[in-house]
C-alpha atoms as a PDB file:
ATOM      1  CA  UNK A   1     -11.935   9.389 -10.603  1.00  0.00           C
ATOM      2  CA  UNK A   2      -9.860   7.353  -8.167  1.00  0.00           C
ATOM      3  CA  UNK A   3      -6.904   8.708  -6.265  1.00  0.00           C
ATOM      4  CA  UNK A   4      -3.963   6.305  -6.382  1.00  0.00           C
ATOM      5  CA  UNK A   5      -1.746   5.725  -3.352  1.00  0.00           C
ATOM      6  CA  UNK A   6       1.238   3.429  -3.100  1.00  0.00           C
ATOM      7  CA  UNK A   7       2.391   2.160   0.275  1.00  0.00           C
ATOM      8  CA  UNK A   8       6.148   1.951   0.009  1.00  0.00           C
ATOM      9  CA  UNK A   9       9.334   1.484   2.007  1.00  0.00           C
ATOM     10  CA  UNK A  10      12.277  -0.512   0.735  1.00  0.00           C
ATOM     11  CA  UNK A  11      12.814  -1.886   4.248  1.00  0.00           C
ATOM     12  CA  UNK A  12      10.886  -5.083   4.895  1.00  0.00           C
ATOM     13  CA  UNK A  13       8.819  -5.795   7.966  1.00  0.00           C
ATOM     14  CA  UNK A  14       7.632  -2.237   8.602  1.00  0.00           C
ATOM     15  CA  UNK A  15       3.916  -2.844   8.096  1.00  0.00           C
ATOM     16  CA  UNK A  16       3.386  -2.067   4.406  1.00  0.00           C
ATOM     17  CA  UNK A  17       1.095  -4.991   3.635  1.00  0.00           C
ATOM     18  CA  UNK A  18      -0.668  -4.753   6.985  1.00  0.00           C
ATOM     19  CA  UNK A  19      -1.341  -1.077   6.325  1.00  0.00           C
ATOM     20  CA  UNK A  20      -2.463  -1.561   2.721  1.00  0.00           C
ATOM     21  CA  UNK A  21      -4.920  -4.378   3.515  1.00  0.00           C
ATOM     22  CA  UNK A  22      -6.347  -2.807   6.655  1.00  0.00           C
ATOM     23  CA  UNK A  23      -6.632   0.695   5.223  1.00  0.00           C
ATOM     24  CA  UNK A  24      -8.461  -0.812   2.233  1.00  0.00           C
ATOM     25  CA  UNK A  25     -10.814  -2.641   4.601  1.00  0.00           C
ATOM     26  CA  UNK A  26     -11.425   0.448   6.737  1.00  0.00           C
ATOM     27  CA  UNK A  27     -12.144   2.640   3.697  1.00  0.00           C
ATOM     28  CA  UNK A  28     -14.533   0.009   2.319  1.00  0.00           C
ATOM     29  CA  UNK A  29     -16.363  -0.054   5.653  1.00  0.00           C
ATOM     30  CA  UNK A  30     -16.806   3.697   5.286  1.00  0.00           C
ATOM     31  CA  UNK A  31     -18.532   3.182   1.954  1.00  0.00           C
ATOM     32  CA  UNK A  32     -15.614   3.965  -0.358  1.00  0.00           C
ATOM     33  CA  UNK A  33     -15.025   1.991  -3.550  1.00  0.00           C
ATOM     34  CA  UNK A  34     -11.538   0.557  -3.154  1.00  0.00           C
ATOM     35  CA  UNK A  35      -9.100  -1.365  -5.348  1.00  0.00           C
ATOM     36  CA  UNK A  36      -6.189  -3.082  -3.593  1.00  0.00           C
ATOM     37  CA  UNK A  37      -3.216  -3.951  -5.826  1.00  0.00           C
ATOM     38  CA  UNK A  38      -0.725  -6.530  -4.570  1.00  0.00           C
ATOM     39  CA  UNK A  39       2.583  -5.674  -6.206  1.00  0.00           C
ATOM     40  CA  UNK A  40       4.667  -7.881  -3.918  1.00  0.00           C
ATOM     41  CA  UNK A  41       5.626 -11.332  -5.333  1.00  0.00           C
ATOM     42  CA  UNK A  42       5.205 -12.836  -1.866  1.00  0.00           C
ATOM     43  CA  UNK A  43       1.448 -12.439  -2.330  1.00  0.00           C
ATOM     44  CA  UNK A  44       0.844 -11.873   1.375  1.00  0.00           C
ATOM     45  CA  UNK A  45      -1.585  -9.060   0.694  1.00  0.00           C
ATOM     46  CA  UNK A  46      -3.577 -11.307  -1.636  1.00  0.00           C
ATOM     47  CA  UNK A  47      -3.868 -13.970   1.050  1.00  0.00           C
ATOM     48  CA  UNK A  48      -4.720 -11.341   3.659  1.00  0.00           C
ATOM     49  CA  UNK A  49      -7.699 -10.326   1.520  1.00  0.00           C
ATOM     50  CA  UNK A  50      -9.032 -13.899   1.573  1.00  0.00           C
ATOM     51  CA  UNK A  51      -7.909 -14.795  -1.968  1.00  0.00           C
ATOM     52  CA  UNK A  52      -5.919 -17.988  -2.506  1.00  0.00           C
ATOM     53  CA  UNK A  53      -2.796 -16.984  -4.436  1.00  0.00           C
ATOM     54  CA  UNK A  54      -2.191 -20.542  -5.674  1.00  0.00           C
ATOM     55  CA  UNK A  55      -5.539 -20.714  -7.477  1.00  0.00           C
ATOM     56  CA  UNK A  56      -5.468 -17.463  -9.441  1.00  0.00           C
ATOM     57  CA  UNK A  57      -6.873 -17.457 -12.979  1.00  0.00           C
ATOM     58  CA  UNK A  58      -5.164 -14.136 -13.596  1.00  0.00           C
ATOM     59  CA  UNK A  59      -2.923 -11.781 -11.652  1.00  0.00           C
ATOM     60  CA  UNK A  60      -1.135  -8.445 -11.750  1.00  0.00           C
ATOM     61  CA  UNK A  61       1.768 -10.287 -13.426  1.00  0.00           C
ATOM     62  CA  UNK A  62      -0.289 -11.002 -16.553  1.00  0.00           C
ATOM     63  CA  UNK A  63      -1.707  -7.466 -16.541  1.00  0.00           C
ATOM     64  CA  UNK A  64       1.756  -5.883 -16.467  1.00  0.00           C
ATOM     65  CA  UNK A  65       2.970  -8.070 -19.314  1.00  0.00           C
ATOM     66  CA  UNK A  66      -0.170  -7.502 -21.393  1.00  0.00           C
ATOM     67  CA  UNK A  67      -1.155 -11.180 -21.271  1.00  0.00           C
ATOM     68  CA  UNK A  68      -4.434 -10.536 -19.469  1.00  0.00           C
ATOM     69  CA  UNK A  69      -6.781  -7.582 -19.157  1.00  0.00           C
ATOM     70  CA  UNK A  70      -7.725  -5.886 -15.920  1.00  0.00           C
ATOM     71  CA  UNK A  71     -11.167  -7.527 -16.052  1.00  0.00           C
ATOM     72  CA  UNK A  72      -9.601 -10.986 -16.424  1.00  0.00           C
ATOM     73  CA  UNK A  73      -7.356 -10.548 -13.375  1.00  0.00           C
ATOM     74  CA  UNK A  74      -9.382  -8.508 -10.881  1.00  0.00           C
ATOM     75  CA  UNK A  75     -11.023 -10.358  -7.970  1.00  0.00           C
ATOM     76  CA  UNK A  76     -13.382  -9.287  -5.213  1.00  0.00           C
ATOM     77  CA  UNK A  77     -12.555  -9.739  -1.550  1.00  0.00           C
ATOM     78  CA  UNK A  78     -15.867 -10.889  -0.104  1.00  0.00           C
ATOM     79  CA  UNK A  79     -14.486 -10.498   3.412  1.00  0.00           C
ATOM     80  CA  UNK A  80     -12.930  -7.081   2.863  1.00  0.00           C
ATOM     81  CA  UNK A  81     -15.577  -5.583   0.600  1.00  0.00           C
ATOM     82  CA  UNK A  82     -13.123  -4.294  -1.995  1.00  0.00           C
ATOM     83  CA  UNK A  83     -11.597  -5.381  -5.307  1.00  0.00           C
ATOM     84  CA  UNK A  84      -8.142  -6.918  -5.567  1.00  0.00           C
ATOM     85  CA  UNK A  85      -5.541  -7.242  -8.311  1.00  0.00           C
ATOM     86  CA  UNK A  86      -3.795 -10.265  -6.800  1.00  0.00           C
ATOM     87  CA  UNK A  87      -0.213 -11.498  -6.947  1.00  0.00           C
ATOM     88  CA  UNK A  88       1.737 -14.716  -6.557  1.00  0.00           C
ATOM     89  CA  UNK A  89       5.328 -15.861  -7.065  1.00  0.00           C
ATOM     90  CA  UNK A  90       5.073 -15.457 -10.839  1.00  0.00           C
ATOM     91  CA  UNK A  91       5.328 -11.709 -10.277  1.00  0.00           C
ATOM     92  CA  UNK A  92       9.000 -12.130  -9.358  1.00  0.00           C
ATOM     93  CA  UNK A  93       9.687 -12.895 -13.029  1.00  0.00           C
ATOM     94  CA  UNK A  94       8.240  -9.567 -14.091  1.00  0.00           C
ATOM     95  CA  UNK A  95      11.383  -7.796 -12.902  1.00  0.00           C
ATOM     96  CA  UNK A  96      13.367  -9.426 -15.714  1.00  0.00           C
ATOM     97  CA  UNK A  97      10.606  -9.571 -18.316  1.00  0.00           C
ATOM     98  CA  UNK A  98       9.648  -5.910 -18.024  1.00  0.00           C
ATOM     99  CA  UNK A  99      13.161  -4.793 -18.936  1.00  0.00           C
ATOM    100  CA  UNK A 100      12.676  -5.777 -22.566  1.00  0.00           C
ATOM    101  CA  UNK A 101       9.216  -4.232 -22.956  1.00  0.00           C
ATOM    102  CA  UNK A 102       8.176  -0.819 -24.237  1.00  0.00           C
ATOM    103  CA  UNK A 103       7.027   1.708 -21.610  1.00  0.00           C
ATOM    104  CA  UNK A 104       8.237  -0.680 -18.939  1.00  0.00           C
ATOM    105  CA  UNK A 105       7.942   1.840 -16.087  1.00  0.00           C
ATOM    106  CA  UNK A 106       4.377   2.985 -16.833  1.00  0.00           C
ATOM    107  CA  UNK A 107       2.679  -0.301 -17.670  1.00  0.00           C
ATOM    108  CA  UNK A 108       0.721  -0.324 -14.416  1.00  0.00           C
ATOM    109  CA  UNK A 109      -0.381   3.269 -14.992  1.00  0.00           C
ATOM    110  CA  UNK A 110      -1.630   2.474 -18.499  1.00  0.00           C
ATOM    111  CA  UNK A 111      -3.482  -0.633 -17.293  1.00  0.00           C
ATOM    112  CA  UNK A 112      -5.255   1.340 -14.564  1.00  0.00           C
ATOM    113  CA  UNK A 113      -6.263   4.427 -16.526  1.00  0.00           C
ATOM    114  CA  UNK A 114      -9.458   2.948 -18.089  1.00  0.00           C
ATOM    115  CA  UNK A 115     -10.597   1.590 -14.696  1.00  0.00           C
ATOM    116  CA  UNK A 116     -10.261   4.629 -12.432  1.00  0.00           C
ATOM    117  CA  UNK A 117     -13.873   5.770 -12.683  1.00  0.00           C
ATOM    118  CA  UNK A 118     -14.918   2.554 -10.919  1.00  0.00           C
ATOM    119  CA  UNK A 119     -13.136   3.442  -7.675  1.00  0.00           C
ATOM    120  CA  UNK A 120     -12.599   6.176  -5.127  1.00  0.00           C
ATOM    121  CA  UNK A 121      -9.213   4.918  -3.959  1.00  0.00           C
ATOM    122  CA  UNK A 122      -6.540   2.593  -5.341  1.00  0.00           C
ATOM    123  CA  UNK A 123      -4.008   1.286  -2.797  1.00  0.00           C
ATOM    124  CA  UNK A 124      -0.821  -0.350  -4.100  1.00  0.00           C
ATOM    125  CA  UNK A 125       1.197  -2.599  -1.788  1.00  0.00           C
ATOM    126  CA  UNK A 126       4.805  -2.312  -2.980  1.00  0.00           C
ATOM    127  CA  UNK A 127       7.542  -4.930  -2.556  1.00  0.00           C
ATOM    128  CA  UNK A 128      10.309  -4.264   0.019  1.00  0.00           C
ATOM    129  CA  UNK A 129      12.766  -3.030  -2.597  1.00  0.00           C
ATOM    130  CA  UNK A 130      13.314  -0.134  -4.986  1.00  0.00           C
ATOM    131  CA  UNK A 131      12.641  -2.320  -8.010  1.00  0.00           C
ATOM    132  CA  UNK A 132      10.951  -2.087 -11.409  1.00  0.00           C
ATOM    133  CA  UNK A 133       7.706  -3.043  -9.672  1.00  0.00           C
ATOM    134  CA  UNK A 134       8.060  -0.213  -7.165  1.00  0.00           C
ATOM    135  CA  UNK A 135       8.923   2.171 -10.007  1.00  0.00           C
ATOM    136  CA  UNK A 136       5.688   1.171 -11.780  1.00  0.00           C
ATOM    137  CA  UNK A 137       3.771   1.932  -8.583  1.00  0.00           C
ATOM    138  CA  UNK A 138       5.439   5.337  -8.200  1.00  0.00           C
ATOM    139  CA  UNK A 139       4.737   6.213 -11.830  1.00  0.00           C
ATOM    140  CA  UNK A 140       1.055   5.279 -11.427  1.00  0.00           C
ATOM    141  CA  UNK A 141       0.481   6.917  -8.032  1.00  0.00           C
ATOM    142  CA  UNK A 142      -0.705  10.351  -7.018  1.00  0.00           C
ATOM    143  CA  UNK A 143       0.639   9.990  -3.478  1.00  0.00           C
ATOM    144  CA  UNK A 144       3.051   7.809  -1.482  1.00  0.00           C
ATOM    145  CA  UNK A 145       2.211   6.649   2.043  1.00  0.00           C
ATOM    146  CA  UNK A 146       5.366   5.574   3.875  1.00  0.00           C
ATOM    147  CA  UNK A 147       5.124   3.300   6.938  1.00  0.00           C
ATOM    148  CA  UNK A 148       7.951   3.893   9.411  1.00  0.00           C
ATOM    149  CA  UNK A 149       8.615   1.307  12.101  1.00  0.00           C
ATOM    150  CA  UNK A 150       9.158   2.700  15.590  1.00  0.00           C
ATOM    151  CA  UNK A 151      12.695   1.406  15.987  1.00  0.00           C
ATOM    152  CA  UNK A 152      16.249   2.690  16.285  1.00  0.00           C
ATOM    153  CA  UNK A 153      17.602   4.295  13.086  1.00  0.00           C
ATOM    154  CA  UNK A 154      14.105   4.281  11.582  1.00  0.00           C
ATOM    155  CA  UNK A 155      14.967   7.305   9.441  1.00  0.00           C
ATOM    156  CA  UNK A 156      18.244   5.889   8.129  1.00  0.00           C
ATOM    157  CA  UNK A 157      16.700   3.712   5.428  1.00  0.00           C
ATOM    158  CA  UNK A 158      14.369   6.363   4.050  1.00  0.00           C
ATOM    159  CA  UNK A 159      16.932   8.422   2.136  1.00  0.00           C
ATOM    160  CA  UNK A 160      17.043   6.095  -0.897  1.00  0.00           C
ATOM    161  CA  UNK A 161      13.247   5.947  -1.126  1.00  0.00           C
ATOM    162  CA  UNK A 162      12.894   9.721  -0.822  1.00  0.00           C
ATOM    163  CA  UNK A 163      15.587  10.200  -3.463  1.00  0.00           C
ATOM    164  CA  UNK A 164      13.757   7.787  -5.802  1.00  0.00           C
ATOM    165  CA  UNK A 165      10.497   9.671  -5.230  1.00  0.00           C
ATOM    166  CA  UNK A 166      12.246  12.957  -6.090  1.00  0.00           C
ATOM    167  CA  UNK A 167      13.645  11.471  -9.301  1.00  0.00           C
ATOM    168  CA  UNK A 168      10.271  10.069 -10.384  1.00  0.00           C
ATOM    169  CA  UNK A 169       8.587  13.386  -9.592  1.00  0.00           C
ATOM    170  CA  UNK A 170      11.277  15.196 -11.560  1.00  0.00           C
ATOM    171  CA  UNK A 171      10.647  13.186 -14.711  1.00  0.00           C
ATOM    172  CA  UNK A 172       8.256  10.275 -15.088  1.00  0.00           C
ATOM    173  CA  UNK A 173       5.472  11.477 -12.752  1.00  0.00           C
ATOM    174  CA  UNK A 174       5.549  15.219 -11.982  1.00  0.00           C
ATOM    175  CA  UNK A 175       2.315  14.988  -9.994  1.00  0.00           C
ATOM    176  CA  UNK A 176       3.718  12.541  -7.433  1.00  0.00           C
ATOM    177  CA  UNK A 177       3.720  13.714  -3.808  1.00  0.00           C
ATOM    178  CA  UNK A 178       4.247  12.228  -0.364  1.00  0.00           C
ATOM    179  CA  UNK A 179       0.922  11.594   1.352  1.00  0.00           C
ATOM    180  CA  UNK A 180       2.519  11.106   4.739  1.00  0.00           C
ATOM    181  CA  UNK A 181       4.598   9.030   7.121  1.00  0.00           C
ATOM    182  CA  UNK A 182       2.770   6.464   9.265  1.00  0.00           C
ATOM    183  CA  UNK A 183       4.405   5.274  12.481  1.00  0.00           C
ATOM    184  CA  UNK A 184       3.913   1.526  12.945  1.00  0.00           C
ATOM    185  CA  UNK A 185       4.667  -1.262  15.444  1.00  0.00           C
ATOM    186  CA  UNK A 186       4.602   1.164  18.353  1.00  0.00           C
ATOM    187  CA  UNK A 187       5.138   0.064  21.958  1.00  0.00           C
ATOM    188  CA  UNK A 188       5.014   2.331  24.983  1.00  0.00           C
ATOM    189  CA  UNK A 189       8.691   2.650  25.861  1.00  0.00           C
ATOM    190  CA  UNK A 190      11.377   5.308  25.801  1.00  0.00           C
ATOM    191  CA  UNK A 191      12.939   4.225  22.497  1.00  0.00           C
ATOM    192  CA  UNK A 192       9.649   4.138  20.587  1.00  0.00           C
ATOM    193  CA  UNK A 193       8.636   7.513  22.013  1.00  0.00           C
ATOM    194  CA  UNK A 194      11.979   8.927  20.895  1.00  0.00           C
ATOM    195  CA  UNK A 195      11.433   7.621  17.347  1.00  0.00           C
ATOM    196  CA  UNK A 196       7.945   9.163  17.280  1.00  0.00           C
ATOM    197  CA  UNK A 197       9.403  12.525  18.337  1.00  0.00           C
ATOM    198  CA  UNK A 198      12.183  12.340  15.737  1.00  0.00           C
ATOM    199  CA  UNK A 199       9.818  11.480  12.878  1.00  0.00           C
ATOM    200  CA  UNK A 200       7.389  14.255  13.820  1.00  0.00           C
ATOM    201  CA  UNK A 201      10.190  16.768  14.237  1.00  0.00           C
ATOM    202  CA  UNK A 202      11.784  15.778  10.931  1.00  0.00           C
ATOM    203  CA  UNK A 203       8.648  15.555   8.767  1.00  0.00           C
ATOM    204  CA  UNK A 204       6.276  17.928  10.559  1.00  0.00           C
ATOM    205  CA  UNK A 205       2.662  17.794   9.305  1.00  0.00           C
ATOM    206  CA  UNK A 206       3.511  14.954   6.905  1.00  0.00           C
ATOM    207  CA  UNK A 207       3.691  12.640   9.928  1.00  0.00           C
ATOM    208  CA  UNK A 208       0.293  11.138  10.689  1.00  0.00           C
ATOM    209  CA  UNK A 209      -1.224  11.746  14.126  1.00  0.00           C
ATOM    210  CA  UNK A 210      -2.467   8.138  14.092  1.00  0.00           C
ATOM    211  CA  UNK A 211       0.057   5.581  15.340  1.00  0.00           C
ATOM    212  CA  UNK A 212      -0.284   1.843  14.680  1.00  0.00           C
ATOM    213  CA  UNK A 213       0.475  -0.106  17.849  1.00  0.00           C
ATOM    214  CA  UNK A 214       1.846  -3.620  18.061  1.00  0.00           C
ATOM    215  CA  UNK A 215      -1.152  -5.897  18.379  1.00  0.00           C
ATOM    216  CA  UNK A 216      -1.423  -9.676  18.154  1.00  0.00           C
ATOM    217  CA  UNK A 217      -4.745  -9.456  16.290  1.00  0.00           C
ATOM    218  CA  UNK A 218      -2.978  -7.670  13.409  1.00  0.00           C
ATOM    219  CA  UNK A 219      -0.776 -10.713  13.024  1.00  0.00           C
ATOM    220  CA  UNK A 220      -3.662 -13.171  13.283  1.00  0.00           C
ATOM    221  CA  UNK A 221      -6.096 -11.512  10.864  1.00  0.00           C
ATOM    222  CA  UNK A 222      -4.242 -12.408   7.601  1.00  0.00           C
ATOM    223  CA  UNK A 223      -4.470 -16.129   8.387  1.00  0.00           C
ATOM    224  CA  UNK A 224      -8.249 -15.672   8.425  1.00  0.00           C
ATOM    225  CA  UNK A 225      -8.164 -13.786   5.101  1.00  0.00           C
ATOM    226  CA  UNK A 226      -9.731 -10.572   6.325  1.00  0.00           C
ATOM    227  CA  UNK A 227      -8.830  -7.076   7.560  1.00  0.00           C
ATOM    228  CA  UNK A 228      -8.400  -6.884  11.322  1.00  0.00           C
ATOM    229  CA  UNK A 229     -11.572  -4.846  11.952  1.00  0.00           C
ATOM    230  CA  UNK A 230     -13.592  -7.675  10.392  1.00  0.00           C
ATOM    231  CA  UNK A 231     -11.684 -10.291  12.387  1.00  0.00           C
ATOM    232  CA  UNK A 232     -11.888  -8.576  15.793  1.00  0.00           C
ATOM    233  CA  UNK A 233     -13.679  -5.239  15.779  1.00  0.00           C
ATOM    234  CA  UNK A 234     -12.668  -4.498  19.360  1.00  0.00           C
ATOM    235  CA  UNK A 235      -8.933  -5.050  18.887  1.00  0.00           C
ATOM    236  CA  UNK A 236      -6.460  -2.215  19.300  1.00  0.00           C
ATOM    237  CA  UNK A 237      -5.335  -2.809  15.707  1.00  0.00           C
ATOM    238  CA  UNK A 238      -8.904  -2.318  14.497  1.00  0.00           C
ATOM    239  CA  UNK A 239      -9.217   0.952  16.379  1.00  0.00           C
ATOM    240  CA  UNK A 240      -5.866   2.125  14.998  1.00  0.00           C
ATOM    241  CA  UNK A 241      -6.691   1.436  11.352  1.00  0.00           C
ATOM    242  CA  UNK A 242     -10.190   2.893  11.595  1.00  0.00           C
ATOM    243  CA  UNK A 243      -8.572   6.013  13.068  1.00  0.00           C
ATOM    244  CA  UNK A 244      -6.068   6.000  10.212  1.00  0.00           C
ATOM    245  CA  UNK A 245      -8.906   5.828   7.672  1.00  0.00           C
ATOM    246  CA  UNK A 246     -10.618   8.822   9.310  1.00  0.00           C
ATOM    247  CA  UNK A 247      -7.410  10.863   9.238  1.00  0.00           C
ATOM    248  CA  UNK A 248      -6.641   9.720   5.687  1.00  0.00           C
ATOM    249  CA  UNK A 249     -10.075  10.842   4.453  1.00  0.00           C
ATOM    250  CA  UNK A 250      -9.835  14.140   6.329  1.00  0.00           C
ATOM    251  CA  UNK A 251      -6.437  14.897   4.781  1.00  0.00           C
ATOM    252  CA  UNK A 252      -7.677  14.110   1.304  1.00  0.00           C
ATOM    253  CA  UNK A 253     -10.826  16.204   1.691  1.00  0.00           C
ATOM    254  CA  UNK A 254      -8.628  19.168   2.566  1.00  0.00           C
ATOM    255  CA  UNK A 255      -6.317  18.442  -0.356  1.00  0.00           C
ATOM    256  CA  UNK A 256      -9.182  18.268  -2.842  1.00  0.00           C
ATOM    257  CA  UNK A 257     -10.611  21.668  -1.853  1.00  0.00           C
END
């Protein structure tokens, strides 16, 4: 039975999609069966997996609205070695259309339930907003992984997300927990080191030891439609995300005992 993780932060540009795609790729390289779900209407995660978002026969949009089944929408990333529920701009319309539907906040959860035996891990890339799409991800997930950019006031924007997680845990999804906080876009300077110290002091063991450094290869890999470790295995970004996968698996082995 798969464990479901959503990668969420309502602030854009903090490395959510980069983390979701590259963690999926690293876990697949380690022999895990992975499903990547692109829940961002921009579809950047879909493209980063080597799937053309303009040519989709089915997408997460149709699955959420009950127009298509999981089997009709799921694709396989030949480059990444994992399955993908892709997205394109049509998903933006789901925000309005879901409002009038029954069980609007758990439609993703219900769509995934029959498929979980096929995978070890499901990774959901959330949009940069606390929207109906993000709520569906939180209701479906077991854990939330929160990327935190190493910049000034990095903790300021987290309060709304943490409050939303508490509310979902208090009602719609009592089993929801925070997997951890991942520091991203790190550079070796005084400000970034201060942010690292603040995050680790504030969140303690929930803060990952692994830090994702700024690396040009991380920015280049999506244009080649593959995770960074399959684009340039020797890049710093590759080393970082392989280290993240090792720590991620170690944490979850301990949790499952």
